[in-house]
Amino acid sequence: MQVVARPGETFETLLRRFKSGVEREGILGDYKRHQSFMSRGEKMRAKLKRAERKRRTRMARRSA
């Protein structure tokens, strides 16, 4: 991500543009996702766990 300063632009404005650009491109999320290695089996188990939790919350909302 690269931001070029505009004439008369303050540092705060420049920093705000940089932060919004980083967020828009998903750089931080990608960095966090690659912080730790997950094997294929671990990813699958985590996905199943998320799906089960989601299913339970949907069922709870329907019955209430």
PDB file of N, CA and C in Angstrom:
ATOM      1  N   MET A   1       0.849  -1.172   0.000  1.00  0.00           N
ATOM      2  CA  MET A   1       0.000   0.000   0.000  1.00  0.00           C
ATOM      3  C   MET A   1       0.892   1.230   0.000  1.00  0.00           C
ATOM      4  N   GLN A   2       0.634   2.094  -0.921  1.00  0.00           N
ATOM      5  CA  GLN A   2       1.446   3.300  -1.038  1.00  0.00           C
ATOM      6  C   GLN A   2       0.529   4.503  -1.131  1.00  0.00           C
ATOM      7  N   VAL A   3       0.863   5.557  -0.362  1.00  0.00           N
ATOM      8  CA  VAL A   3       0.090   6.792  -0.364  1.00  0.00           C
ATOM      9  C   VAL A   3       1.044   7.945  -0.642  1.00  0.00           C
ATOM     10  N   VAL A   4       0.695   8.767  -1.627  1.00  0.00           N
ATOM     11  CA  VAL A   4       1.516   9.926  -1.976  1.00  0.00           C
ATOM     12  C   VAL A   4       0.861  11.163  -1.369  1.00  0.00           C
ATOM     13  N   ALA A   5       1.678  11.966  -0.699  1.00  0.00           N
ATOM     14  CA  ALA A   5       1.159  13.176  -0.052  1.00  0.00           C
ATOM     15  C   ALA A   5       0.713  14.191  -1.093  1.00  0.00           C
ATOM     16  N   ARG A   6      -0.463  14.748  -0.849  1.00  0.00           N
ATOM     17  CA  ARG A   6      -0.984  15.807  -1.713  1.00  0.00           C
ATOM     18  C   ARG A   6      -0.440  17.142  -1.226  1.00  0.00           C
ATOM     19  N   PRO A   7      -0.372  18.131  -2.086  1.00  0.00           N
ATOM     20  CA  PRO A   7       0.145  19.439  -1.654  1.00  0.00           C
ATOM     21  C   PRO A   7      -0.715  20.036  -0.539  1.00  0.00           C
ATOM     22  N   GLY A   8      -0.067  20.419   0.560  1.00  0.00           N
ATOM     23  CA  GLY A   8      -0.758  21.034   1.687  1.00  0.00           C
ATOM     24  C   GLY A   8      -1.500  20.052   2.571  1.00  0.00           C
ATOM     25  N   GLU A   9      -1.308  18.743   2.378  1.00  0.00           N
ATOM     26  CA  GLU A   9      -2.010  17.736   3.175  1.00  0.00           C
ATOM     27  C   GLU A   9      -1.276  17.505   4.496  1.00  0.00           C
ATOM     28  N   THR A  10      -2.022  17.436   5.580  1.00  0.00           N
ATOM     29  CA  THR A  10      -1.405  17.201   6.890  1.00  0.00           C
ATOM     30  C   THR A  10      -1.047  15.723   7.029  1.00  0.00           C
ATOM     31  N   PHE A  11      -0.178  15.459   7.996  1.00  0.00           N
ATOM     32  CA  PHE A  11       0.235  14.077   8.245  1.00  0.00           C
ATOM     33  C   PHE A  11      -0.944  13.236   8.713  1.00  0.00           C
ATOM     34  N   GLU A  12      -1.825  13.809   9.528  1.00  0.00           N
ATOM     35  CA  GLU A  12      -2.979  13.071  10.046  1.00  0.00           C
ATOM     36  C   GLU A  12      -3.891  12.605   8.908  1.00  0.00           C
ATOM     37  N   THR A  13      -4.118  13.489   7.934  1.00  0.00           N
ATOM     38  CA  THR A  13      -4.952  13.132   6.781  1.00  0.00           C
ATOM     39  C   THR A  13      -4.289  12.040   5.954  1.00  0.00           C
ATOM     40  N   LEU A  14      -2.992  12.159   5.786  1.00  0.00           N
ATOM     41  CA  LEU A  14      -2.231  11.162   5.040  1.00  0.00           C
ATOM     42  C   LEU A  14      -2.315   9.801   5.729  1.00  0.00           C
ATOM     43  N   LEU A  15      -2.155   9.807   7.044  1.00  0.00           N
ATOM     44  CA  LEU A  15      -2.229   8.568   7.813  1.00  0.00           C
ATOM     45  C   LEU A  15      -3.627   7.964   7.729  1.00  0.00           C
ATOM     46  N   ARG A  16      -4.653   8.786   7.773  1.00  0.00           N
ATOM     47  CA  ARG A  16      -6.035   8.302   7.679  1.00  0.00           C
ATOM     48  C   ARG A  16      -6.280   7.648   6.321  1.00  0.00           C
ATOM     49  N   ARG A  17      -5.772   8.269   5.247  1.00  0.00           N
ATOM     50  CA  ARG A  17      -5.912   7.674   3.918  1.00  0.00           C
ATOM     51  C   ARG A  17      -5.179   6.344   3.832  1.00  0.00           C
ATOM     52  N   PHE A  18      -3.992   6.274   4.448  1.00  0.00           N
ATOM     53  CA  PHE A  18      -3.221   5.029   4.440  1.00  0.00           C
ATOM     54  C   PHE A  18      -3.977   3.923   5.174  1.00  0.00           C
ATOM     55  N   LYS A  19      -4.484   4.242   6.356  1.00  0.00           N
ATOM     56  CA  LYS A  19      -5.212   3.239   7.146  1.00  0.00           C
ATOM     57  C   LYS A  19      -6.447   2.731   6.416  1.00  0.00           C
ATOM     58  N   SER A  20      -7.197   3.644   5.798  1.00  0.00           N
ATOM     59  CA  SER A  20      -8.400   3.215   5.078  1.00  0.00           C
ATOM     60  C   SER A  20      -8.027   2.366   3.863  1.00  0.00           C
ATOM     61  N   GLY A  21      -6.925   2.683   3.214  1.00  0.00           N
ATOM     62  CA  GLY A  21      -6.471   1.892   2.073  1.00  0.00           C
ATOM     63  C   GLY A  21      -6.053   0.494   2.483  1.00  0.00           C
ATOM     64  N   VAL A  22      -5.350   0.391   3.596  1.00  0.00           N
ATOM     65  CA  VAL A  22      -4.937  -0.915   4.112  1.00  0.00           C
ATOM     66  C   VAL A  22      -6.162  -1.743   4.465  1.00  0.00           C
ATOM     67  N   GLU A  23      -7.137  -1.122   5.093  1.00  0.00           N
ATOM     68  CA  GLU A  23      -8.360  -1.839   5.469  1.00  0.00           C
ATOM     69  C   GLU A  23      -9.140  -2.266   4.231  1.00  0.00           C
ATOM     70  N   ARG A  24      -9.244  -1.402   3.244  1.00  0.00           N
ATOM     71  CA  ARG A  24      -9.983  -1.694   2.016  1.00  0.00           C
ATOM     72  C   ARG A  24      -9.373  -2.873   1.268  1.00  0.00           C
ATOM     73  N   GLU A  25      -8.041  -2.954   1.260  1.00  0.00           N
ATOM     74  CA  GLU A  25      -7.369  -4.031   0.538  1.00  0.00           C
ATOM     75  C   GLU A  25      -7.274  -5.320   1.344  1.00  0.00           C
ATOM     76  N   GLY A  26      -7.622  -5.273   2.628  1.00  0.00           N
ATOM     77  CA  GLY A  26      -7.623  -6.480   3.447  1.00  0.00           C
ATOM     78  C   GLY A  26      -6.240  -6.962   3.825  1.00  0.00           C
ATOM     79  N   ILE A  27      -5.280  -6.068   3.874  1.00  0.00           N
ATOM     80  CA  ILE A  27      -3.896  -6.451   4.162  1.00  0.00           C
ATOM     81  C   ILE A  27      -3.755  -6.953   5.595  1.00  0.00           C
ATOM     82  N   LEU A  28      -4.377  -6.256   6.533  1.00  0.00           N
ATOM     83  CA  LEU A  28      -4.257  -6.630   7.943  1.00  0.00           C
ATOM     84  C   LEU A  28      -4.897  -7.987   8.215  1.00  0.00           C
ATOM     85  N   GLY A  29      -6.057  -8.226   7.639  1.00  0.00           N
ATOM     86  CA  GLY A  29      -6.730  -9.514   7.819  1.00  0.00           C
ATOM     87  C   GLY A  29      -5.911 -10.654   7.256  1.00  0.00           C
ATOM     88  N   ASP A  30      -5.308 -10.419   6.105  1.00  0.00           N
ATOM     89  CA  ASP A  30      -4.462 -11.426   5.481  1.00  0.00           C
ATOM     90  C   ASP A  30      -3.247 -11.711   6.354  1.00  0.00           C
ATOM     91  N   TYR A  31      -2.672 -10.674   6.924  1.00  0.00           N
ATOM     92  CA  TYR A  31      -1.518 -10.819   7.810  1.00  0.00           C
ATOM     93  C   TYR A  31      -1.886 -11.660   9.033  1.00  0.00           C
ATOM     94  N   LYS A  32      -3.026 -11.353   9.658  1.00  0.00           N
ATOM     95  CA  LYS A  32      -3.452 -12.092  10.845  1.00  0.00           C
ATOM     96  C   LYS A  32      -3.744 -13.548  10.507  1.00  0.00           C
ATOM     97  N   ARG A  33      -4.323 -13.777   9.333  1.00  0.00           N
ATOM     98  CA  ARG A  33      -4.668 -15.139   8.919  1.00  0.00           C
ATOM     99  C   ARG A  33      -3.408 -15.986   8.730  1.00  0.00           C
ATOM    100  N   HIS A  34      -2.321 -15.362   8.315  1.00  0.00           N
ATOM    101  CA  HIS A  34      -1.089 -16.098   8.071  1.00  0.00           C
ATOM    102  C   HIS A  34      -0.146 -16.119   9.277  1.00  0.00           C
ATOM    103  N   GLN A  35      -0.594 -15.617  10.416  1.00  0.00           N
ATOM    104  CA  GLN A  35       0.259 -15.589  11.613  1.00  0.00           C
ATOM    105  C   GLN A  35       0.602 -16.996  12.091  1.00  0.00           C
ATOM    106  N   SER A  36      -0.382 -17.901  12.083  1.00  0.00           N
ATOM    107  CA  SER A  36      -0.120 -19.246  12.561  1.00  0.00           C
ATOM    108  C   SER A  36      -0.552 -20.256  11.507  1.00  0.00           C
ATOM    109  N   PHE A  37       0.166 -21.339  11.422  1.00  0.00           N
ATOM    110  CA  PHE A  37      -0.122 -22.365  10.427  1.00  0.00           C
ATOM    111  C   PHE A  37      -1.207 -23.288  10.942  1.00  0.00           C
ATOM    112  N   MET A  38      -2.182 -23.584  10.104  1.00  0.00           N
ATOM    113  CA  MET A  38      -3.218 -24.564  10.424  1.00  0.00           C
ATOM    114  C   MET A  38      -3.173 -25.658   9.367  1.00  0.00           C
ATOM    115  N   SER A  39      -3.110 -26.889   9.825  1.00  0.00           N
ATOM    116  CA  SER A  39      -3.103 -27.984   8.869  1.00  0.00           C
ATOM    117  C   SER A  39      -4.483 -28.106   8.224  1.00  0.00           C
ATOM    118  N   ARG A  40      -4.577 -28.898   7.188  1.00  0.00           N
ATOM    119  CA  ARG A  40      -5.844 -29.073   6.486  1.00  0.00           C
ATOM    120  C   ARG A  40      -6.901 -29.654   7.417  1.00  0.00           C
ATOM    121  N   GLY A  41      -6.502 -30.598   8.271  1.00  0.00           N
ATOM    122  CA  GLY A  41      -7.440 -31.206   9.222  1.00  0.00           C
ATOM    123  C   GLY A  41      -7.938 -30.206  10.255  1.00  0.00           C
ATOM    124  N   GLU A  42      -7.038 -29.367  10.744  1.00  0.00           N
ATOM    125  CA  GLU A  42      -7.433 -28.346  11.716  1.00  0.00           C
ATOM    126  C   GLU A  42      -8.423 -27.360  11.106  1.00  0.00           C
ATOM    127  N   LYS A  43      -8.172 -26.961   9.859  1.00  0.00           N
ATOM    128  CA  LYS A  43      -9.088 -26.047   9.177  1.00  0.00           C
ATOM    129  C   LYS A  43     -10.465 -26.677   9.038  1.00  0.00           C
ATOM    130  N   MET A  44     -10.484 -27.959   8.685  1.00  0.00           N
ATOM    131  CA  MET A  44     -11.750 -28.661   8.499  1.00  0.00           C
ATOM    132  C   MET A  44     -12.517 -28.744   9.825  1.00  0.00           C
ATOM    133  N   ARG A  45     -11.806 -29.081  10.900  1.00  0.00           N
ATOM    134  CA  ARG A  45     -12.461 -29.175  12.217  1.00  0.00           C
ATOM    135  C   ARG A  45     -12.998 -27.818  12.658  1.00  0.00           C
ATOM    136  N   ALA A  46     -12.238 -26.766  12.421  1.00  0.00           N
ATOM    137  CA  ALA A  46     -12.689 -25.420  12.791  1.00  0.00           C
ATOM    138  C   ALA A  46     -13.917 -25.030  11.976  1.00  0.00           C
ATOM    139  N   LYS A  47     -13.934 -25.377  10.716  1.00  0.00           N
ATOM    140  CA  LYS A  47     -15.075 -25.060   9.853  1.00  0.00           C
ATOM    141  C   LYS A  47     -16.317 -25.812  10.313  1.00  0.00           C
ATOM    142  N   LEU A  48     -16.175 -27.083  10.662  1.00  0.00           N
ATOM    143  CA  LEU A  48     -17.300 -27.867  11.162  1.00  0.00           C
ATOM    144  C   LEU A  48     -17.818 -27.314  12.490  1.00  0.00           C
ATOM    145  N   LYS A  49     -16.897 -26.891  13.354  1.00  0.00           N
ATOM    146  CA  LYS A  49     -17.281 -26.324  14.640  1.00  0.00           C
ATOM    147  C   LYS A  49     -18.069 -25.027  14.449  1.00  0.00           C
ATOM    148  N   ARG A  50     -17.598 -24.173  13.536  1.00  0.00           N
ATOM    149  CA  ARG A  50     -18.307 -22.928  13.222  1.00  0.00           C
ATOM    150  C   ARG A  50     -19.697 -23.215  12.671  1.00  0.00           C
ATOM    151  N   ALA A  51     -19.799 -24.203  11.778  1.00  0.00           N
ATOM    152  CA  ALA A  51     -21.082 -24.552  11.161  1.00  0.00           C
ATOM    153  C   ALA A  51     -22.050 -25.079  12.214  1.00  0.00           C
ATOM    154  N   GLU A  52     -21.561 -25.889  13.133  1.00  0.00           N
ATOM    155  CA  GLU A  52     -22.415 -26.432  14.202  1.00  0.00           C
ATOM    156  C   GLU A  52     -22.915 -25.319  15.111  1.00  0.00           C
ATOM    157  N   ARG A  53     -22.043 -24.385  15.464  1.00  0.00           N
ATOM    158  CA  ARG A  53     -22.440 -23.261  16.309  1.00  0.00           C
ATOM    159  C   ARG A  53     -23.503 -22.414  15.608  1.00  0.00           C
ATOM    160  N   LYS A  54     -23.315 -22.193  14.316  1.00  0.00           N
ATOM    161  CA  LYS A  54     -24.270 -21.415  13.531  1.00  0.00           C
ATOM    162  C   LYS A  54     -25.621 -22.136  13.455  1.00  0.00           C
ATOM    163  N   ARG A  55     -25.595 -23.455  13.270  1.00  0.00           N
ATOM    164  CA  ARG A  55     -26.820 -24.242  13.205  1.00  0.00           C
ATOM    165  C   ARG A  55     -27.593 -24.165  14.517  1.00  0.00           C
ATOM    166  N   ARG A  56     -26.866 -24.254  15.629  1.00  0.00           N
ATOM    167  CA  ARG A  56     -27.511 -24.184  16.947  1.00  0.00           C
ATOM    168  C   ARG A  56     -28.181 -22.837  17.181  1.00  0.00           C
ATOM    169  N   THR A  57     -27.498 -21.756  16.803  1.00  0.00           N
ATOM    170  CA  THR A  57     -28.092 -20.433  17.006  1.00  0.00           C
ATOM    171  C   THR A  57     -29.326 -20.250  16.124  1.00  0.00           C
ATOM    172  N   ARG A  58     -29.304 -20.779  14.926  1.00  0.00           N
ATOM    173  CA  ARG A  58     -30.479 -20.699  14.047  1.00  0.00           C
ATOM    174  C   ARG A  58     -31.647 -21.475  14.634  1.00  0.00           C
ATOM    175  N   MET A  59     -31.365 -22.661  15.167  1.00  0.00           N
ATOM    176  CA  MET A  59     -32.428 -23.476  15.757  1.00  0.00           C
ATOM    177  C   MET A  59     -33.001 -22.795  17.000  1.00  0.00           C
ATOM    178  N   ALA A  60     -32.144 -22.180  17.772  1.00  0.00           N
ATOM    179  CA  ALA A  60     -32.605 -21.481  18.993  1.00  0.00           C
ATOM    180  C   ALA A  60     -33.492 -20.303  18.627  1.00  0.00           C
ATOM    181  N   ARG A  61     -33.160 -19.588  17.568  1.00  0.00           N
ATOM    182  CA  ARG A  61     -33.970 -18.443  17.133  1.00  0.00           C
ATOM    183  C   ARG A  61     -35.332 -18.884  16.606  1.00  0.00           C
ATOM    184  N   ARG A  62     -35.373 -20.030  15.927  1.00  0.00           N
ATOM    185  CA  ARG A  62     -36.634 -20.518  15.371  1.00  0.00           C
ATOM    186  C   ARG A  62     -37.592 -20.976  16.460  1.00  0.00           C
ATOM    187  N   SER A  63     -37.060 -21.613  17.501  1.00  0.00           N
ATOM    188  CA  SER A  63     -37.921 -22.144  18.563  1.00  0.00           C
ATOM    189  C   SER A  63     -38.403 -21.064  19.523  1.00  0.00           C
ATOM    190  N   ALA A  64     -37.663 -19.965  19.611  1.00  0.00           N
ATOM    191  CA  ALA A  64     -38.055 -18.903  20.549  1.00  0.00           C
ATOM    192  C   ALA A  64     -39.048 -17.934  19.985  1.00  0.00           C
TER     193      ALA A  64
END
